[in-house]
Amino acid sequence: QVQLVESGGGLVQPGGSLRVSCAASGNIASINAMGWYRQAPGKQRELVADIIYGGTTTYADSVKGRFTISRDNAENTVYLQMNSLKPEDTAVYYCSATRRGSGYTYWGQGTQVTVSS
């Protein structure tokens, strides 16, 4: 199995930046993709960004040009750099890891990101 530990959430001003991280451990070799989802109050969880084993990335239209997903050299940690933050970015951000073959997805505990002046 895979364990996901998130960190880096907090309060930031509109237009500011924040970087959240997710450390993965366990059977990392079985993971095909990692990503970030978010869920705001009263809304469904939505994909923010993901990155597959080979490095290809995908972004939600709402964050393109502002957010960047990346991995460390060992590919055991995934980051989400969030720039030009807007109040509507306020949500709980969840790390995900998807198993190759089965498609089973592991989830982190979530970290709160609040964008407010």
PDB file of N, CA and C in Angstrom:
ATOM      1  N   GLN A   1       0.824  -1.174   0.000  1.00  0.00           N
ATOM      2  CA  GLN A   1       0.000   0.000   0.000  1.00  0.00           C
ATOM      3  C   GLN A   1       0.873   1.244   0.000  1.00  0.00           C
ATOM      4  N   VAL A   2       0.226   2.380  -0.193  1.00  0.00           N
ATOM      5  CA  VAL A   2       0.909   3.658  -0.294  1.00  0.00           C
ATOM      6  C   VAL A   2       0.397   4.595   0.789  1.00  0.00           C
ATOM      7  N   GLN A   3       1.329   5.292   1.427  1.00  0.00           N
ATOM      8  CA  GLN A   3       0.988   6.297   2.432  1.00  0.00           C
ATOM      9  C   GLN A   3       1.277   7.683   1.867  1.00  0.00           C
ATOM     10  N   LEU A   4       0.370   8.624   2.094  1.00  0.00           N
ATOM     11  CA  LEU A   4       0.526   9.983   1.613  1.00  0.00           C
ATOM     12  C   LEU A   4       0.433  10.945   2.789  1.00  0.00           C
ATOM     13  N   VAL A   5       1.438  11.805   2.933  1.00  0.00           N
ATOM     14  CA  VAL A   5       1.478  12.776   4.015  1.00  0.00           C
ATOM     15  C   VAL A   5       1.617  14.166   3.415  1.00  0.00           C
ATOM     16  N   GLU A   6       0.627  15.015   3.655  1.00  0.00           N
ATOM     17  CA  GLU A   6       0.594  16.351   3.084  1.00  0.00           C
ATOM     18  C   GLU A   6       1.051  17.393   4.094  1.00  0.00           C
ATOM     19  N   SER A   7       1.520  18.522   3.564  1.00  0.00           N
ATOM     20  CA  SER A   7       1.895  19.655   4.395  1.00  0.00           C
ATOM     21  C   SER A   7       1.889  20.919   3.551  1.00  0.00           C
ATOM     22  N   GLY A   8       1.903  22.070   4.207  1.00  0.00           N
ATOM     23  CA  GLY A   8       2.090  23.334   3.522  1.00  0.00           C
ATOM     24  C   GLY A   8       0.871  24.207   3.359  1.00  0.00           C
ATOM     25  N   GLY A   9      -0.293  23.743   3.768  1.00  0.00           N
ATOM     26  CA  GLY A   9      -1.478  24.574   3.666  1.00  0.00           C
ATOM     27  C   GLY A   9      -1.432  25.739   4.632  1.00  0.00           C
ATOM     28  N   GLY A  10      -2.312  26.712   4.408  1.00  0.00           N
ATOM     29  CA  GLY A  10      -2.358  27.863   5.289  1.00  0.00           C
ATOM     30  C   GLY A  10      -3.154  28.997   4.702  1.00  0.00           C
ATOM     31  N   LEU A  11      -2.983  30.166   5.304  1.00  0.00           N
ATOM     32  CA  LEU A  11      -3.668  31.386   4.896  1.00  0.00           C
ATOM     33  C   LEU A  11      -2.743  32.240   4.046  1.00  0.00           C
ATOM     34  N   VAL A  12      -3.264  32.739   2.930  1.00  0.00           N
ATOM     35  CA  VAL A  12      -2.475  33.574   2.037  1.00  0.00           C
ATOM     36  C   VAL A  12      -3.363  34.672   1.461  1.00  0.00           C
ATOM     37  N   GLN A  13      -2.772  35.815   1.156  1.00  0.00           N
ATOM     38  CA  GLN A  13      -3.510  36.932   0.577  1.00  0.00           C
ATOM     39  C   GLN A  13      -3.792  36.703  -0.898  1.00  0.00           C
ATOM     40  N   PRO A  14      -4.879  37.272  -1.427  1.00  0.00           N
ATOM     41  CA  PRO A  14      -5.102  37.214  -2.872  1.00  0.00           C
ATOM     42  C   PRO A  14      -3.893  37.754  -3.629  1.00  0.00           C
ATOM     43  N   GLY A  15      -3.529  37.058  -4.694  1.00  0.00           N
ATOM     44  CA  GLY A  15      -2.347  37.417  -5.454  1.00  0.00           C
ATOM     45  C   GLY A  15      -1.065  36.820  -4.928  1.00  0.00           C
ATOM     46  N   GLY A  16      -1.133  36.214  -3.769  1.00  0.00           N
ATOM     47  CA  GLY A  16       0.036  35.620  -3.162  1.00  0.00           C
ATOM     48  C   GLY A  16       0.310  34.214  -3.659  1.00  0.00           C
ATOM     49  N   SER A  17       1.299  33.578  -3.050  1.00  0.00           N
ATOM     50  CA  SER A  17       1.729  32.244  -3.455  1.00  0.00           C
ATOM     51  C   SER A  17       1.809  31.314  -2.268  1.00  0.00           C
ATOM     52  N   LEU A  18       1.657  30.040  -2.551  1.00  0.00           N
ATOM     53  CA  LEU A  18       1.756  29.010  -1.538  1.00  0.00           C
ATOM     54  C   LEU A  18       2.192  27.717  -2.211  1.00  0.00           C
ATOM     55  N   ARG A  19       2.982  26.932  -1.506  1.00  0.00           N
ATOM     56  CA  ARG A  19       3.427  25.644  -2.024  1.00  0.00           C
ATOM     57  C   ARG A  19       3.044  24.545  -1.053  1.00  0.00           C
ATOM     58  N   VAL A  20       2.277  23.581  -1.543  1.00  0.00           N
ATOM     59  CA  VAL A  20       1.923  22.431  -0.733  1.00  0.00           C
ATOM     60  C   VAL A  20       2.702  21.221  -1.223  1.00  0.00           C
ATOM     61  N   SER A  21       2.959  20.288  -0.324  1.00  0.00           N
ATOM     62  CA  SER A  21       3.736  19.113  -0.671  1.00  0.00           C
ATOM     63  C   SER A  21       3.044  17.851  -0.192  1.00  0.00           C
ATOM     64  N   CYS A  22       3.396  16.746  -0.818  1.00  0.00           N
ATOM     65  CA  CYS A  22       2.851  15.442  -0.469  1.00  0.00           C
ATOM     66  C   CYS A  22       3.965  14.414  -0.564  1.00  0.00           C
ATOM     67  N   ALA A  23       4.308  13.814   0.555  1.00  0.00           N
ATOM     68  CA  ALA A  23       5.341  12.788   0.599  1.00  0.00           C
ATOM     69  C   ALA A  23       4.700  11.410   0.528  1.00  0.00           C
ATOM     70  N   ALA A  24       5.147  10.608  -0.417  1.00  0.00           N
ATOM     71  CA  ALA A  24       4.622   9.262  -0.606  1.00  0.00           C
ATOM     72  C   ALA A  24       5.610   8.226  -0.102  1.00  0.00           C
ATOM     73  N   SER A  25       5.087   7.184   0.513  1.00  0.00           N
ATOM     74  CA  SER A  25       5.914   6.085   0.972  1.00  0.00           C
ATOM     75  C   SER A  25       5.157   4.777   0.793  1.00  0.00           C
ATOM     76  N   GLY A  26       5.872   3.675   0.924  1.00  0.00           N
ATOM     77  CA  GLY A  26       5.278   2.373   0.712  1.00  0.00           C
ATOM     78  C   GLY A  26       5.656   1.832  -0.653  1.00  0.00           C
ATOM     79  N   ASN A  27       4.697   1.213  -1.322  1.00  0.00           N
ATOM     80  CA  ASN A  27       4.940   0.602  -2.623  1.00  0.00           C
ATOM     81  C   ASN A  27       4.824   1.642  -3.727  1.00  0.00           C
ATOM     82  N   ILE A  28       5.775   2.573  -3.727  1.00  0.00           N
ATOM     83  CA  ILE A  28       5.739   3.693  -4.671  1.00  0.00           C
ATOM     84  C   ILE A  28       5.867   3.228  -6.116  1.00  0.00           C
ATOM     85  N   ALA A  29       6.596   2.146  -6.332  1.00  0.00           N
ATOM     86  CA  ALA A  29       6.807   1.642  -7.687  1.00  0.00           C
ATOM     87  C   ALA A  29       5.503   1.257  -8.374  1.00  0.00           C
ATOM     88  N   SER A  30       4.471   1.002  -7.601  1.00  0.00           N
ATOM     89  CA  SER A  30       3.186   0.610  -8.175  1.00  0.00           C
ATOM     90  C   SER A  30       2.362   1.799  -8.650  1.00  0.00           C
ATOM     91  N   ILE A  31       2.814   3.023  -8.347  1.00  0.00           N
ATOM     92  CA  ILE A  31       2.047   4.225  -8.643  1.00  0.00           C
ATOM     93  C   ILE A  31       2.323   4.720 -10.049  1.00  0.00           C
ATOM     94  N   ASN A  32       1.262   4.956 -10.802  1.00  0.00           N
ATOM     95  CA  ASN A  32       1.363   5.454 -12.166  1.00  0.00           C
ATOM     96  C   ASN A  32       1.247   6.970 -12.249  1.00  0.00           C
ATOM     97  N   ALA A  33       0.486   7.553 -11.331  1.00  0.00           N
ATOM     98  CA  ALA A  33       0.258   8.987 -11.372  1.00  0.00           C
ATOM     99  C   ALA A  33       0.015   9.521  -9.973  1.00  0.00           C
ATOM    100  N   MET A  34       0.393  10.768  -9.759  1.00  0.00           N
ATOM    101  CA  MET A  34       0.080  11.472  -8.533  1.00  0.00           C
ATOM    102  C   MET A  34      -0.546  12.802  -8.901  1.00  0.00           C
ATOM    103  N   GLY A  35      -1.339  13.327  -7.995  1.00  0.00           N
ATOM    104  CA  GLY A  35      -2.001  14.575  -8.320  1.00  0.00           C
ATOM    105  C   GLY A  35      -2.546  15.294  -7.115  1.00  0.00           C
ATOM    106  N   TRP A  36      -3.167  16.420  -7.408  1.00  0.00           N
ATOM    107  CA  TRP A  36      -3.820  17.242  -6.402  1.00  0.00           C
ATOM    108  C   TRP A  36      -5.266  17.484  -6.802  1.00  0.00           C
ATOM    109  N   TYR A  37      -6.147  17.286  -5.846  1.00  0.00           N
ATOM    110  CA  TYR A  37      -7.556  17.616  -5.987  1.00  0.00           C
ATOM    111  C   TYR A  37      -7.903  18.638  -4.920  1.00  0.00           C
ATOM    112  N   ARG A  38      -9.022  19.306  -5.093  1.00  0.00           N
ATOM    113  CA  ARG A  38      -9.483  20.225  -4.062  1.00  0.00           C
ATOM    114  C   ARG A  38     -10.989  20.141  -3.923  1.00  0.00           C
ATOM    115  N   GLN A  39     -11.459  20.495  -2.743  1.00  0.00           N
ATOM    116  CA  GLN A  39     -12.886  20.498  -2.477  1.00  0.00           C
ATOM    117  C   GLN A  39     -13.233  21.718  -1.629  1.00  0.00           C
ATOM    118  N   ALA A  40     -14.059  22.578  -2.189  1.00  0.00           N
ATOM    119  CA  ALA A  40     -14.559  23.742  -1.481  1.00  0.00           C
ATOM    120  C   ALA A  40     -15.894  23.398  -0.830  1.00  0.00           C
ATOM    121  N   PRO A  41     -16.285  24.140   0.207  1.00  0.00           N
ATOM    122  CA  PRO A  41     -17.564  23.863   0.869  1.00  0.00           C
ATOM    123  C   PRO A  41     -18.730  23.866  -0.117  1.00  0.00           C
ATOM    124  N   GLY A  42     -19.554  22.830  -0.052  1.00  0.00           N
ATOM    125  CA  GLY A  42     -20.712  22.731  -0.912  1.00  0.00           C
ATOM    126  C   GLY A  42     -20.433  22.313  -2.336  1.00  0.00           C
ATOM    127  N   LYS A  43     -19.186  22.012  -2.650  1.00  0.00           N
ATOM    128  CA  LYS A  43     -18.820  21.626  -4.005  1.00  0.00           C
ATOM    129  C   LYS A  43     -18.197  20.234  -4.031  1.00  0.00           C
ATOM    130  N   GLN A  44     -18.201  19.630  -5.223  1.00  0.00           N
ATOM    131  CA  GLN A  44     -17.579  18.330  -5.402  1.00  0.00           C
ATOM    132  C   GLN A  44     -16.062  18.461  -5.457  1.00  0.00           C
ATOM    133  N   ARG A  45     -15.391  17.385  -5.110  1.00  0.00           N
ATOM    134  CA  ARG A  45     -13.948  17.347  -5.249  1.00  0.00           C
ATOM    135  C   ARG A  45     -13.591  17.396  -6.731  1.00  0.00           C
ATOM    136  N   GLU A  46     -12.624  18.231  -7.083  1.00  0.00           N
ATOM    137  CA  GLU A  46     -12.247  18.408  -8.473  1.00  0.00           C
ATOM    138  C   GLU A  46     -10.742  18.266  -8.654  1.00  0.00           C
ATOM    139  N   LEU A  47     -10.369  17.798  -9.826  1.00  0.00           N
ATOM    140  CA  LEU A  47      -8.955  17.691 -10.163  1.00  0.00           C
ATOM    141  C   LEU A  47      -8.356  19.082 -10.334  1.00  0.00           C
ATOM    142  N   VAL A  48      -7.218  19.307  -9.704  1.00  0.00           N
ATOM    143  CA  VAL A  48      -6.455  20.532  -9.884  1.00  0.00           C
ATOM    144  C   VAL A  48      -5.321  20.294 -10.873  1.00  0.00           C
ATOM    145  N   ALA A  49      -4.524  19.268 -10.613  1.00  0.00           N
ATOM    146  CA  ALA A  49      -3.397  18.936 -11.468  1.00  0.00           C
ATOM    147  C   ALA A  49      -2.946  17.521 -11.182  1.00  0.00           C
ATOM    148  N   ASP A  50      -2.387  16.863 -12.175  1.00  0.00           N
ATOM    149  CA  ASP A  50      -1.755  15.576 -11.930  1.00  0.00           C
ATOM    150  C   ASP A  50      -0.530  15.410 -12.810  1.00  0.00           C
ATOM    151  N   ILE A  51       0.286  14.435 -12.449  1.00  0.00           N
ATOM    152  CA  ILE A  51       1.521  14.158 -13.174  1.00  0.00           C
ATOM    153  C   ILE A  51       1.698  12.655 -13.238  1.00  0.00           C
ATOM    154  N   ILE A  52       1.941  12.132 -14.441  1.00  0.00           N
ATOM    155  CA  ILE A  52       2.105  10.699 -14.615  1.00  0.00           C
ATOM    156  C   ILE A  52       3.573  10.317 -14.486  1.00  0.00           C
ATOM    157  N   TYR A  53       3.826   9.010 -14.489  1.00  0.00           N
ATOM    158  CA  TYR A  53       5.172   8.482 -14.285  1.00  0.00           C
ATOM    159  C   TYR A  53       6.205   9.124 -15.204  1.00  0.00           C
ATOM    160  N   GLY A  54       5.855   9.320 -16.470  1.00  0.00           N
ATOM    161  CA  GLY A  54       6.786   9.875 -17.434  1.00  0.00           C
ATOM    162  C   GLY A  54       6.953  11.373 -17.360  1.00  0.00           C
ATOM    163  N   GLY A  55       6.162  12.047 -16.551  1.00  0.00           N
ATOM    164  CA  GLY A  55       6.300  13.476 -16.354  1.00  0.00           C
ATOM    165  C   GLY A  55       5.248  14.342 -17.010  1.00  0.00           C
ATOM    166  N   THR A  56       4.354  13.763 -17.780  1.00  0.00           N
ATOM    167  CA  THR A  56       3.296  14.537 -18.413  1.00  0.00           C
ATOM    168  C   THR A  56       2.330  15.082 -17.369  1.00  0.00           C
ATOM    169  N   THR A  57       1.959  16.339 -17.514  1.00  0.00           N
ATOM    170  CA  THR A  57       1.096  16.998 -16.542  1.00  0.00           C
ATOM    171  C   THR A  57      -0.243  17.390 -17.145  1.00  0.00           C
ATOM    172  N   THR A  58      -1.231  17.505 -16.277  1.00  0.00           N
ATOM    173  CA  THR A  58      -2.565  17.953 -16.644  1.00  0.00           C
ATOM    174  C   THR A  58      -3.026  18.971 -15.614  1.00  0.00           C
ATOM    175  N   TYR A  59      -3.698  20.029 -16.072  1.00  0.00           N
ATOM    176  CA  TYR A  59      -4.184  21.072 -15.185  1.00  0.00           C
ATOM    177  C   TYR A  59      -5.641  21.381 -15.463  1.00  0.00           C
ATOM    178  N   ALA A  60      -6.361  21.710 -14.414  1.00  0.00           N
ATOM    179  CA  ALA A  60      -7.699  22.240 -14.586  1.00  0.00           C
ATOM    180  C   ALA A  60      -7.615  23.601 -15.268  1.00  0.00           C
ATOM    181  N   ASP A  61      -8.607  23.913 -16.099  1.00  0.00           N
ATOM    182  CA  ASP A  61      -8.603  25.186 -16.804  1.00  0.00           C
ATOM    183  C   ASP A  61      -8.511  26.374 -15.845  1.00  0.00           C
ATOM    184  N   SER A  62      -9.112  26.245 -14.686  1.00  0.00           N
ATOM    185  CA  SER A  62      -9.163  27.345 -13.743  1.00  0.00           C
ATOM    186  C   SER A  62      -7.812  27.692 -13.123  1.00  0.00           C
ATOM    187  N   VAL A  63      -6.842  26.787 -13.222  1.00  0.00           N
ATOM    188  CA  VAL A  63      -5.540  27.034 -12.601  1.00  0.00           C
ATOM    189  C   VAL A  63      -4.400  27.097 -13.600  1.00  0.00           C
ATOM    190  N   LYS A  64      -4.673  26.869 -14.867  1.00  0.00           N
ATOM    191  CA  LYS A  64      -3.620  26.912 -15.883  1.00  0.00           C
ATOM    192  C   LYS A  64      -2.933  28.277 -15.891  1.00  0.00           C
ATOM    193  N   GLY A  65      -1.622  28.243 -15.928  1.00  0.00           N
ATOM    194  CA  GLY A  65      -0.842  29.464 -15.920  1.00  0.00           C
ATOM    195  C   GLY A  65      -0.552  30.000 -14.542  1.00  0.00           C
ATOM    196  N   ARG A  66      -1.201  29.456 -13.519  1.00  0.00           N
ATOM    197  CA  ARG A  66      -0.990  29.912 -12.148  1.00  0.00           C
ATOM    198  C   ARG A  66      -0.385  28.842 -11.247  1.00  0.00           C
ATOM    199  N   PHE A  67      -0.776  27.591 -11.459  1.00  0.00           N
ATOM    200  CA  PHE A  67      -0.311  26.486 -10.617  1.00  0.00           C
ATOM    201  C   PHE A  67       0.662  25.612 -11.398  1.00  0.00           C
ATOM    202  N   THR A  68       1.602  25.003 -10.694  1.00  0.00           N
ATOM    203  CA  THR A  68       2.551  24.080 -11.292  1.00  0.00           C
ATOM    204  C   THR A  68       2.720  22.862 -10.401  1.00  0.00           C
ATOM    205  N   ILE A  69       2.553  21.677 -10.977  1.00  0.00           N
ATOM    206  CA  ILE A  69       2.785  20.441 -10.250  1.00  0.00           C
ATOM    207  C   ILE A  69       4.167  19.909 -10.617  1.00  0.00           C
ATOM    208  N   SER A  70       4.868  19.356  -9.649  1.00  0.00           N
ATOM    209  CA  SER A  70       6.209  18.842  -9.886  1.00  0.00           C
ATOM    210  C   SER A  70       6.538  17.731  -8.895  1.00  0.00           C
ATOM    211  N   ARG A  71       7.636  17.022  -9.153  1.00  0.00           N
ATOM    212  CA  ARG A  71       8.114  15.955  -8.291  1.00  0.00           C
ATOM    213  C   ARG A  71       9.572  16.189  -7.933  1.00  0.00           C
ATOM    214  N   ASP A  72      10.011  15.588  -6.819  1.00  0.00           N
ATOM    215  CA  ASP A  72      11.430  15.651  -6.503  1.00  0.00           C
ATOM    216  C   ASP A  72      12.175  14.607  -7.327  1.00  0.00           C
ATOM    217  N   ASN A  73      13.495  14.588  -7.212  1.00  0.00           N
ATOM    218  CA  ASN A  73      14.308  13.708  -8.054  1.00  0.00           C
ATOM    219  C   ASN A  73      14.005  12.232  -7.851  1.00  0.00           C
ATOM    220  N   ALA A  74      13.648  11.868  -6.649  1.00  0.00           N
ATOM    221  CA  ALA A  74      13.340  10.473  -6.348  1.00  0.00           C
ATOM    222  C   ALA A  74      11.887  10.124  -6.652  1.00  0.00           C
ATOM    223  N   GLU A  75      11.119  11.116  -7.031  1.00  0.00           N
ATOM    224  CA  GLU A  75       9.696  10.945  -7.331  1.00  0.00           C
ATOM    225  C   GLU A  75       8.924  10.368  -6.161  1.00  0.00           C
ATOM    226  N   ASN A  76       9.354  10.728  -4.961  1.00  0.00           N
ATOM    227  CA  ASN A  76       8.637  10.291  -3.770  1.00  0.00           C
ATOM    228  C   ASN A  76       7.860  11.431  -3.115  1.00  0.00           C
ATOM    229  N   THR A  77       7.990  12.630  -3.671  1.00  0.00           N
ATOM    230  CA  THR A  77       7.251  13.782  -3.180  1.00  0.00           C
ATOM    231  C   THR A  77       6.703  14.572  -4.356  1.00  0.00           C
ATOM    232  N   VAL A  78       5.458  14.952  -4.272  1.00  0.00           N
ATOM    233  CA  VAL A  78       4.847  15.780  -5.295  1.00  0.00           C
ATOM    234  C   VAL A  78       4.504  17.138  -4.686  1.00  0.00           C
ATOM    235  N   TYR A  79       4.710  18.194  -5.460  1.00  0.00           N
ATOM    236  CA  TYR A  79       4.477  19.547  -5.007  1.00  0.00           C
ATOM    237  C   TYR A  79       3.433  20.226  -5.879  1.00  0.00           C
ATOM    238  N   LEU A  80       2.760  21.181  -5.292  1.00  0.00           N
ATOM    239  CA  LEU A  80       1.880  22.053  -6.047  1.00  0.00           C
ATOM    240  C   LEU A  80       2.241  23.490  -5.696  1.00  0.00           C
ATOM    241  N   GLN A  81       2.865  24.184  -6.634  1.00  0.00           N
ATOM    242  CA  GLN A  81       3.186  25.592  -6.474  1.00  0.00           C
ATOM    243  C   GLN A  81       2.002  26.406  -6.960  1.00  0.00           C
ATOM    244  N   MET A  82       1.433  27.201  -6.082  1.00  0.00           N
ATOM    245  CA  MET A  82       0.245  27.984  -6.391  1.00  0.00           C
ATOM    246  C   MET A  82       0.596  29.463  -6.368  1.00  0.00           C
ATOM    247  N   ASN A  83       0.479  30.117  -7.513  1.00  0.00           N
ATOM    248  CA  ASN A  83       0.763  31.532  -7.650  1.00  0.00           C
ATOM    249  C   ASN A  83      -0.501  32.286  -8.037  1.00  0.00           C
ATOM    250  N   SER A  84      -0.469  33.595  -7.855  1.00  0.00           N
ATOM    251  CA  SER A  84      -1.604  34.456  -8.201  1.00  0.00           C
ATOM    252  C   SER A  84      -2.901  33.910  -7.636  1.00  0.00           C
ATOM    253  N   LEU A  85      -2.869  33.570  -6.378  1.00  0.00           N
ATOM    254  CA  LEU A  85      -4.021  32.929  -5.742  1.00  0.00           C
ATOM    255  C   LEU A  85      -5.225  33.854  -5.666  1.00  0.00           C
ATOM    256  N   LYS A  86      -6.388  33.256  -5.829  1.00  0.00           N
ATOM    257  CA  LYS A  86      -7.662  33.960  -5.796  1.00  0.00           C
ATOM    258  C   LYS A  86      -8.514  33.421  -4.653  1.00  0.00           C
ATOM    259  N   PRO A  87      -9.452  34.217  -4.142  1.00  0.00           N
ATOM    260  CA  PRO A  87     -10.334  33.706  -3.086  1.00  0.00           C
ATOM    261  C   PRO A  87     -11.041  32.416  -3.479  1.00  0.00           C
ATOM    262  N   GLU A  88     -11.386  32.259  -4.747  1.00  0.00           N
ATOM    263  CA  GLU A  88     -12.066  31.054  -5.192  1.00  0.00           C
ATOM    264  C   GLU A  88     -11.174  29.813  -5.185  1.00  0.00           C
ATOM    265  N   ASP A  89      -9.882  29.985  -4.941  1.00  0.00           N
ATOM    266  CA  ASP A  89      -8.986  28.845  -4.769  1.00  0.00           C
ATOM    267  C   ASP A  89      -9.090  28.250  -3.369  1.00  0.00           C
ATOM    268  N   THR A  90      -9.798  28.916  -2.487  1.00  0.00           N
ATOM    269  CA  THR A  90      -9.960  28.425  -1.121  1.00  0.00           C
ATOM    270  C   THR A  90     -10.642  27.056  -1.133  1.00  0.00           C
ATOM    271  N   ALA A  91     -10.000  26.078  -0.510  1.00  0.00           N
ATOM    272  CA  ALA A  91     -10.515  24.719  -0.495  1.00  0.00           C
ATOM    273  C   ALA A  91      -9.601  23.854   0.365  1.00  0.00           C
ATOM    274  N   VAL A  92     -10.053  22.641   0.619  1.00  0.00           N
ATOM    275  CA  VAL A  92      -9.171  21.620   1.155  1.00  0.00           C
ATOM    276  C   VAL A  92      -8.506  20.941  -0.032  1.00  0.00           C
ATOM    277  N   TYR A  93      -7.195  20.901  -0.017  1.00  0.00           N
ATOM    278  CA  TYR A  93      -6.430  20.302  -1.104  1.00  0.00           C
ATOM    279  C   TYR A  93      -5.976  18.910  -0.698  1.00  0.00           C
ATOM    280  N   TYR A  94      -6.270  17.934  -1.561  1.00  0.00           N
ATOM    281  CA  TYR A  94      -5.969  16.539  -1.292  1.00  0.00           C
ATOM    282  C   TYR A  94      -4.938  16.002  -2.274  1.00  0.00           C
ATOM    283  N   CYS A  95      -3.963  15.299  -1.762  1.00  0.00           N
ATOM    284  CA  CYS A  95      -2.999  14.594  -2.583  1.00  0.00           C
ATOM    285  C   CYS A  95      -3.568  13.238  -2.977  1.00  0.00           C
ATOM    286  N   SER A  96      -3.266  12.787  -4.187  1.00  0.00           N
ATOM    287  CA  SER A  96      -3.715  11.484  -4.642  1.00  0.00           C
ATOM    288  C   SER A  96      -2.580  10.723  -5.301  1.00  0.00           C
ATOM    289  N   ALA A  97      -2.683   9.406  -5.263  1.00  0.00           N
ATOM    290  CA  ALA A  97      -1.729   8.523  -5.926  1.00  0.00           C
ATOM    291  C   ALA A  97      -2.503   7.363  -6.508  1.00  0.00           C
ATOM    292  N   THR A  98      -2.342   7.121  -7.799  1.00  0.00           N
ATOM    293  CA  THR A  98      -3.114   6.101  -8.491  1.00  0.00           C
ATOM    294  C   THR A  98      -2.234   4.914  -8.862  1.00  0.00           C
ATOM    295  N   ARG A  99      -2.691   3.728  -8.521  1.00  0.00           N
ATOM    296  CA  ARG A  99      -1.947   2.505  -8.763  1.00  0.00           C
ATOM    297  C   ARG A  99      -2.033   2.100 -10.223  1.00  0.00           C
ATOM    298  N   ARG A 100      -0.893   1.745 -10.771  1.00  0.00           N
ATOM    299  CA  ARG A 100      -0.815   1.260 -12.144  1.00  0.00           C
ATOM    300  C   ARG A 100      -1.547  -0.068 -12.266  1.00  0.00           C
ATOM    301  N   GLY A 101      -2.313  -0.228 -13.304  1.00  0.00           N
ATOM    302  CA  GLY A 101      -3.023  -1.475 -13.551  1.00  0.00           C
ATOM    303  C   GLY A 101      -4.433  -1.468 -12.999  1.00  0.00           C
ATOM    304  N   SER A 102      -4.547  -1.439 -11.685  1.00  0.00           N
ATOM    305  CA  SER A 102      -5.857  -1.494 -11.043  1.00  0.00           C
ATOM    306  C   SER A 102      -6.594  -0.165 -11.091  1.00  0.00           C
ATOM    307  N   GLY A 103      -5.846   0.929 -11.117  1.00  0.00           N
ATOM    308  CA  GLY A 103      -6.446   2.245 -11.075  1.00  0.00           C
ATOM    309  C   GLY A 103      -6.886   2.683  -9.689  1.00  0.00           C
ATOM    310  N   TYR A 104      -6.575   1.898  -8.672  1.00  0.00           N
ATOM    311  CA  TYR A 104      -6.947   2.269  -7.306  1.00  0.00           C
ATOM    312  C   TYR A 104      -6.242   3.550  -6.893  1.00  0.00           C
ATOM    313  N   THR A 105      -6.978   4.439  -6.265  1.00  0.00           N
ATOM    314  CA  THR A 105      -6.442   5.730  -5.869  1.00  0.00           C
ATOM    315  C   THR A 105      -6.351   5.856  -4.353  1.00  0.00           C
ATOM    316  N   TYR A 106      -5.176   6.208  -3.878  1.00  0.00           N
ATOM    317  CA  TYR A 106      -4.948   6.525  -2.477  1.00  0.00           C
ATOM    318  C   TYR A 106      -5.108   8.025  -2.279  1.00  0.00           C
ATOM    319  N   TRP A 107      -5.534   8.411  -1.090  1.00  0.00           N
ATOM    320  CA  TRP A 107      -5.755   9.824  -0.780  1.00  0.00           C
ATOM    321  C   TRP A 107      -4.999  10.248   0.466  1.00  0.00           C
ATOM    322  N   GLY A 108      -4.498  11.471   0.436  1.00  0.00           N
ATOM    323  CA  GLY A 108      -3.946  12.071   1.623  1.00  0.00           C
ATOM    324  C   GLY A 108      -5.052  12.595   2.520  1.00  0.00           C
ATOM    325  N   GLN A 109      -4.662  13.156   3.656  1.00  0.00           N
ATOM    326  CA  GLN A 109      -5.637  13.615   4.639  1.00  0.00           C
ATOM    327  C   GLN A 109      -6.246  14.965   4.300  1.00  0.00           C
ATOM    328  N   GLY A 110      -5.638  15.690   3.394  1.00  0.00           N
ATOM    329  CA  GLY A 110      -6.100  17.006   3.010  1.00  0.00           C
ATOM    330  C   GLY A 110      -5.435  18.103   3.804  1.00  0.00           C
ATOM    331  N   THR A 111      -5.209  19.241   3.156  1.00  0.00           N
ATOM    332  CA  THR A 111      -4.650  20.406   3.826  1.00  0.00           C
ATOM    333  C   THR A 111      -5.429  21.644   3.392  1.00  0.00           C
ATOM    334  N   GLN A 112      -5.796  22.467   4.360  1.00  0.00           N
ATOM    335  CA  GLN A 112      -6.635  23.639   4.093  1.00  0.00           C
ATOM    336  C   GLN A 112      -5.816  24.766   3.503  1.00  0.00           C
ATOM    337  N   VAL A 113      -6.305  25.314   2.401  1.00  0.00           N
ATOM    338  CA  VAL A 113      -5.739  26.515   1.796  1.00  0.00           C
ATOM    339  C   VAL A 113      -6.820  27.583   1.796  1.00  0.00           C
ATOM    340  N   THR A 114      -6.539  28.709   2.439  1.00  0.00           N
ATOM    341  CA  THR A 114      -7.488  29.806   2.518  1.00  0.00           C
ATOM    342  C   THR A 114      -6.874  31.048   1.908  1.00  0.00           C
ATOM    343  N   VAL A 115      -7.557  31.623   0.928  1.00  0.00           N
ATOM    344  CA  VAL A 115      -7.094  32.830   0.245  1.00  0.00           C
ATOM    345  C   VAL A 115      -8.035  33.964   0.630  1.00  0.00           C
ATOM    346  N   SER A 116      -7.527  34.900   1.401  1.00  0.00           N
ATOM    347  CA  SER A 116      -8.363  35.978   1.914  1.00  0.00           C
ATOM    348  C   SER A 116      -7.507  37.186   2.251  1.00  0.00           C
ATOM    349  N   SER A 117      -8.074  38.366   2.047  1.00  0.00           N
ATOM    350  CA  SER A 117      -7.400  39.597   2.418  1.00  0.00           C
ATOM    351  C   SER A 117      -7.728  40.010   3.838  1.00  0.00           C
TER     352      SER A 117
END
